[in-house]
N, C-alpha and C. Protein backbone atom coordinates (compact mmCIF):
# COMPACT_ATOMS: atom_id res chain seq x y z
N MET A 1 83.36 82.53 -1.70
CA MET A 1 84.33 81.44 -2.74
C MET A 1 85.36 82.10 -2.60
N THR A 2 86.43 82.57 -1.88
CA THR A 2 87.44 83.66 -2.28
C THR A 2 88.33 82.61 -3.20
N ARG A 3 88.28 81.23 -2.16
CA ARG A 3 89.75 80.55 -2.85
C ARG A 3 88.71 78.99 -3.59
N SER A 4 88.27 79.51 -4.16
CA SER A 4 87.58 78.60 -5.02
C SER A 4 88.59 77.76 -6.41
N LYS A 5 88.50 76.81 -6.81
CA LYS A 5 89.89 75.87 -7.67
C LYS A 5 89.14 75.28 -8.61
N ARG A 6 89.32 74.68 -9.60
CA ARG A 6 88.67 74.12 -10.83
C ARG A 6 89.06 73.00 -10.08
N LYS A 7 88.19 72.22 -10.88
CA LYS A 7 87.44 70.70 -10.73
C LYS A 7 88.42 70.03 -11.49
N THR A 8 88.95 70.45 -12.68
CA THR A 8 89.71 69.48 -13.63
C THR A 8 91.13 70.58 -14.14
N PRO A 9 91.73 70.06 -14.21
CA PRO A 9 93.03 70.69 -14.37
C PRO A 9 93.56 70.85 -16.11
N ILE A 10 92.30 71.64 -16.78
CA ILE A 10 92.08 71.54 -17.66
C ILE A 10 92.18 73.60 -18.21
N ILE A 11 92.99 73.85 -19.44
CA ILE A 11 92.69 75.46 -19.96
C ILE A 11 93.16 75.38 -20.97
N SER A 12 92.20 76.65 -22.18
CA SER A 12 92.09 76.44 -23.35
C SER A 12 93.91 77.71 -23.86
N ASN A 13 94.21 77.19 -24.69
CA ASN A 13 95.41 77.81 -25.38
C ASN A 13 94.74 78.85 -26.65
N THR A 14 95.29 79.72 -26.09
CA THR A 14 94.70 81.17 -27.13
C THR A 14 95.81 82.00 -27.67
N LEU A 15 95.20 82.91 -28.42
CA LEU A 15 96.52 83.52 -29.04
C LEU A 15 96.79 84.80 -28.17
N SER A 16 96.00 85.10 -27.47
CA SER A 16 95.76 86.08 -26.08
C SER A 16 94.95 85.79 -24.86
N GLY A 17 95.03 86.78 -24.23
CA GLY A 17 94.10 86.06 -22.87
C GLY A 17 92.56 86.63 -23.05
N LEU A 18 92.61 87.85 -24.34
CA LEU A 18 91.27 88.43 -24.54
C LEU A 18 90.40 87.30 -25.31
N TYR A 19 90.81 85.79 -26.17
CA TYR A 19 89.79 85.19 -26.85
C TYR A 19 90.18 83.57 -26.01
N GLY A 20 89.59 83.82 -24.55
CA GLY A 20 89.39 82.44 -23.70
C GLY A 20 88.31 81.58 -24.55
N SER A 21 87.54 82.20 -25.53
CA SER A 21 86.40 81.28 -25.69
C SER A 21 86.22 81.15 -27.10
N GLU A 22 85.45 80.42 -27.78
CA GLU A 22 85.25 80.93 -29.44
C GLU A 22 83.80 81.47 -29.66
N LYS A 23 83.05 82.17 -28.70
CA LYS A 23 81.88 82.63 -28.73
C LYS A 23 82.35 83.52 -29.66
N ASP A 24 82.37 84.25 -29.96
CA ASP A 24 82.73 85.93 -31.18
C ASP A 24 83.03 85.08 -32.57
N ASP A 25 83.43 84.31 -32.59
CA ASP A 25 84.37 83.34 -33.58
C ASP A 25 82.63 82.32 -34.39
N LYS A 26 81.97 81.99 -33.43
CA LYS A 26 81.06 81.42 -34.21
C LYS A 26 80.01 82.27 -34.04
N ARG A 27 79.99 83.52 -33.19
CA ARG A 27 78.72 84.19 -33.60
C ARG A 27 79.04 84.90 -35.21
N ILE A 28 79.93 84.94 -35.88
CA ILE A 28 80.57 85.60 -37.20
C ILE A 28 80.23 84.58 -37.47
N ALA A 29 80.27 83.20 -38.09
CA ALA A 29 80.44 82.26 -38.20
C ALA A 29 78.86 82.21 -38.75
N ASN A 30 78.01 82.12 -37.43
CA ASN A 30 76.43 81.72 -38.36
C ASN A 30 76.05 83.15 -38.50
N ARG A 31 76.19 84.27 -38.45
CA ARG A 31 76.01 85.67 -38.89
C ARG A 31 76.60 85.37 -40.51
N ASP A 32 77.71 85.01 -40.99
CA ASP A 32 77.88 84.31 -42.91
C ASP A 32 76.54 83.54 -43.03
N PHE A 33 76.89 82.62 -41.99
CA PHE A 33 75.84 81.03 -42.41
C PHE A 33 74.50 81.87 -43.49
N ARG A 34 74.25 82.10 -42.33
CA ARG A 34 72.90 83.25 -42.39
C ARG A 34 72.14 84.01 -43.32
N ARG A 35 73.41 84.70 -43.84
CA ARG A 35 73.60 86.17 -44.70
C ARG A 35 73.69 85.24 -46.01
N THR A 36 74.44 83.68 -46.04
CA THR A 36 74.60 83.13 -47.28
C THR A 36 73.27 82.73 -48.04
N ASN A 37 72.40 82.24 -46.87
CA ASN A 37 71.33 81.31 -47.00
C ASN A 37 70.21 82.23 -47.41
N LYS A 38 69.75 83.43 -46.49
CA LYS A 38 69.37 84.61 -47.26
C LYS A 38 69.42 84.99 -48.42
N MET A 39 70.68 85.36 -48.97
CA MET A 39 70.95 85.60 -49.90
C MET A 39 70.22 84.84 -51.36
N LEU A 40 70.62 83.29 -51.11
CA LEU A 40 70.15 82.27 -51.97
C LEU A 40 69.13 81.86 -51.94
N LEU A 41 68.27 82.28 -51.25
CA LEU A 41 67.00 82.05 -51.00
C LEU A 41 66.27 83.06 -51.79
N ARG A 42 66.82 84.59 -51.58
CA ARG A 42 66.15 85.54 -51.99
C ARG A 42 65.82 85.55 -53.59
N ASP A 43 67.33 85.01 -54.22
CA ASP A 43 67.89 85.21 -55.32
C ASP A 43 67.21 83.72 -56.03
N GLN A 44 66.74 82.92 -55.35
CA GLN A 44 66.03 81.67 -56.09
C GLN A 44 64.05 82.34 -55.78
N GLN A 45 63.90 83.09 -54.95
CA GLN A 45 62.50 83.60 -55.39
C GLN A 45 62.29 84.33 -56.01
N MET A 46 63.12 85.15 -56.77
CA MET A 46 63.16 86.07 -57.11
C MET A 46 63.21 85.59 -59.07
N THR A 47 63.83 84.53 -59.37
CA THR A 47 63.75 83.82 -60.67
C THR A 47 62.63 82.78 -60.42
N LYS A 48 62.11 82.44 -59.57
CA LYS A 48 60.16 81.63 -59.63
C LYS A 48 60.67 80.38 -60.39
N ASP A 49 61.56 79.57 -60.47
CA ASP A 49 61.73 78.60 -61.74
C ASP A 49 61.36 77.27 -60.37
N LEU A 50 60.43 76.65 -60.65
CA LEU A 50 59.75 75.84 -59.54
C LEU A 50 60.28 74.08 -60.03
N GLU A 51 61.35 74.28 -60.83
CA GLU A 51 62.28 73.18 -61.32
C GLU A 51 63.34 72.97 -60.74
N ASP A 52 64.27 74.01 -60.16
CA ASP A 52 65.44 74.01 -59.50
C ASP A 52 64.97 73.70 -58.00
N ILE A 53 65.81 73.23 -57.69
CA ILE A 53 65.59 72.72 -56.25
C ILE A 53 66.86 73.62 -55.34
N ILE A 54 66.64 73.75 -54.09
CA ILE A 54 67.13 74.90 -53.46
C ILE A 54 67.91 73.87 -52.44
N LEU A 55 69.35 74.02 -52.83
CA LEU A 55 70.19 73.61 -51.88
C LEU A 55 70.55 74.50 -51.06
N LEU A 56 70.72 74.39 -49.79
CA LEU A 56 71.16 75.57 -49.19
C LEU A 56 72.63 75.02 -48.72
N TYR A 57 73.35 76.11 -48.21
CA TYR A 57 74.88 75.82 -47.55
C TYR A 57 74.83 75.10 -46.22
N ARG A 58 75.72 74.62 -46.00
CA ARG A 58 76.06 74.60 -44.35
C ARG A 58 76.67 75.02 -43.79
N ILE A 59 76.85 74.75 -42.36
CA ILE A 59 77.38 75.78 -41.82
C ILE A 59 79.37 75.50 -42.05
N ARG A 60 79.65 74.29 -42.10
CA ARG A 60 81.02 74.18 -42.45
C ARG A 60 81.92 74.47 -43.86
N GLU A 61 80.65 74.56 -45.25
CA GLU A 61 80.82 75.35 -46.33
C GLU A 61 80.89 76.67 -45.93
N VAL A 62 80.27 77.39 -44.88
CA VAL A 62 80.62 78.78 -45.15
C VAL A 62 81.42 79.52 -44.28
N SER A 63 82.45 78.69 -42.65
CA SER A 63 82.84 78.83 -42.02
C SER A 63 84.21 77.82 -41.89
N ASP A 64 85.30 78.61 -41.50
CA ASP A 64 86.37 77.30 -41.05
C ASP A 64 86.84 77.60 -39.65
N VAL A 65 86.46 76.26 -38.79
CA VAL A 65 87.07 76.26 -37.59
C VAL A 65 88.74 76.39 -37.48
N TRP A 66 89.16 75.74 -38.76
CA TRP A 66 91.07 76.18 -38.26
C TRP A 66 91.08 77.77 -38.26
N SER A 67 90.41 78.42 -38.46
CA SER A 67 90.78 79.91 -38.60
C SER A 67 90.38 81.18 -37.59
N PHE A 68 89.44 79.77 -36.30
CA PHE A 68 89.43 80.73 -35.26
C PHE A 68 90.08 80.94 -34.43
N ASN A 69 90.03 81.51 -32.89
CA ASN A 69 91.17 82.30 -32.25
C ASN A 69 91.77 80.94 -31.45
N LYS A 70 90.75 80.31 -30.50
CA LYS A 70 90.88 79.56 -29.89
C LYS A 70 91.90 77.98 -30.74
N ASP A 71 93.08 77.88 -29.95
CA ASP A 71 93.76 76.32 -30.82
C ASP A 71 93.79 75.47 -29.45
N GLY A 72 92.82 74.48 -29.12
CA GLY A 72 92.70 73.53 -28.63
C GLY A 72 93.06 74.05 -26.75
N LYS A 73 93.31 72.66 -26.33
CA LYS A 73 93.18 73.14 -24.33
C LYS A 73 94.47 72.05 -24.02
N HIS A 74 95.08 72.15 -22.76
CA HIS A 74 95.99 71.11 -22.73
C HIS A 74 96.10 71.31 -20.87
N TYR A 75 96.41 70.19 -20.10
CA TYR A 75 96.67 69.78 -18.80
C TYR A 75 97.16 70.70 -18.01
N PHE A 76 97.25 70.74 -16.91
CA PHE A 76 98.31 71.71 -16.24
C PHE A 76 99.09 70.62 -15.98
N ALA A 77 100.66 70.39 -15.36
CA ALA A 77 101.28 69.61 -14.71
C ALA A 77 100.80 69.26 -13.19
N ASP A 78 101.41 70.52 -12.45
CA ASP A 78 101.24 69.89 -11.08
C ASP A 78 101.08 71.51 -10.24
N ALA A 79 100.12 71.99 -10.92
CA ALA A 79 100.46 73.46 -10.00
C ALA A 79 99.19 73.69 -9.55
N ASP A 80 99.10 74.11 -8.07
CA ASP A 80 97.88 74.60 -7.06
C ASP A 80 97.65 75.66 -7.55
N GLU A 81 98.92 76.96 -7.79
CA GLU A 81 98.45 78.06 -8.50
C GLU A 81 97.34 78.52 -9.41
N GLU A 82 98.01 77.50 -10.54
CA GLU A 82 97.54 77.77 -11.59
C GLU A 82 95.61 77.05 -11.34
N MET A 83 95.46 76.51 -11.22
CA MET A 83 94.26 76.07 -10.68
C MET A 83 93.34 77.10 -10.05
N ARG A 84 93.70 78.31 -9.26
CA ARG A 84 93.10 78.71 -8.90
C ARG A 84 91.82 80.10 -9.86
N LYS A 85 90.68 79.91 -9.58
CA LYS A 85 90.01 81.05 -10.59
C LYS A 85 90.14 82.13 -10.28
C-alpha cells in the first residue's frame, strides 16, 4: 500500500508537526484530574466528618480545552498530493 490515500480530505490545525493529536494534552489533563480528586478524598478521610458531602471535581473544572495544542480541523481544497498519507 505504498500509494494509499486518505478517505476524507480533513487534516488538523496544529502549532507544529509534533502535535498531531491531543493525546498528550488529554493525558496531562487526566493526571491533574485524578491528582486533585485523590487529594480531596484524602483530606476528607483525614477529617472523618460524616456530615460533609464529598463533591468531587469534574474534568472540565480541572483542565481547559482551549489551552490544548491542537486548534481544530480544515478541509483540503483539491490537492491530490496532500491527500497522500
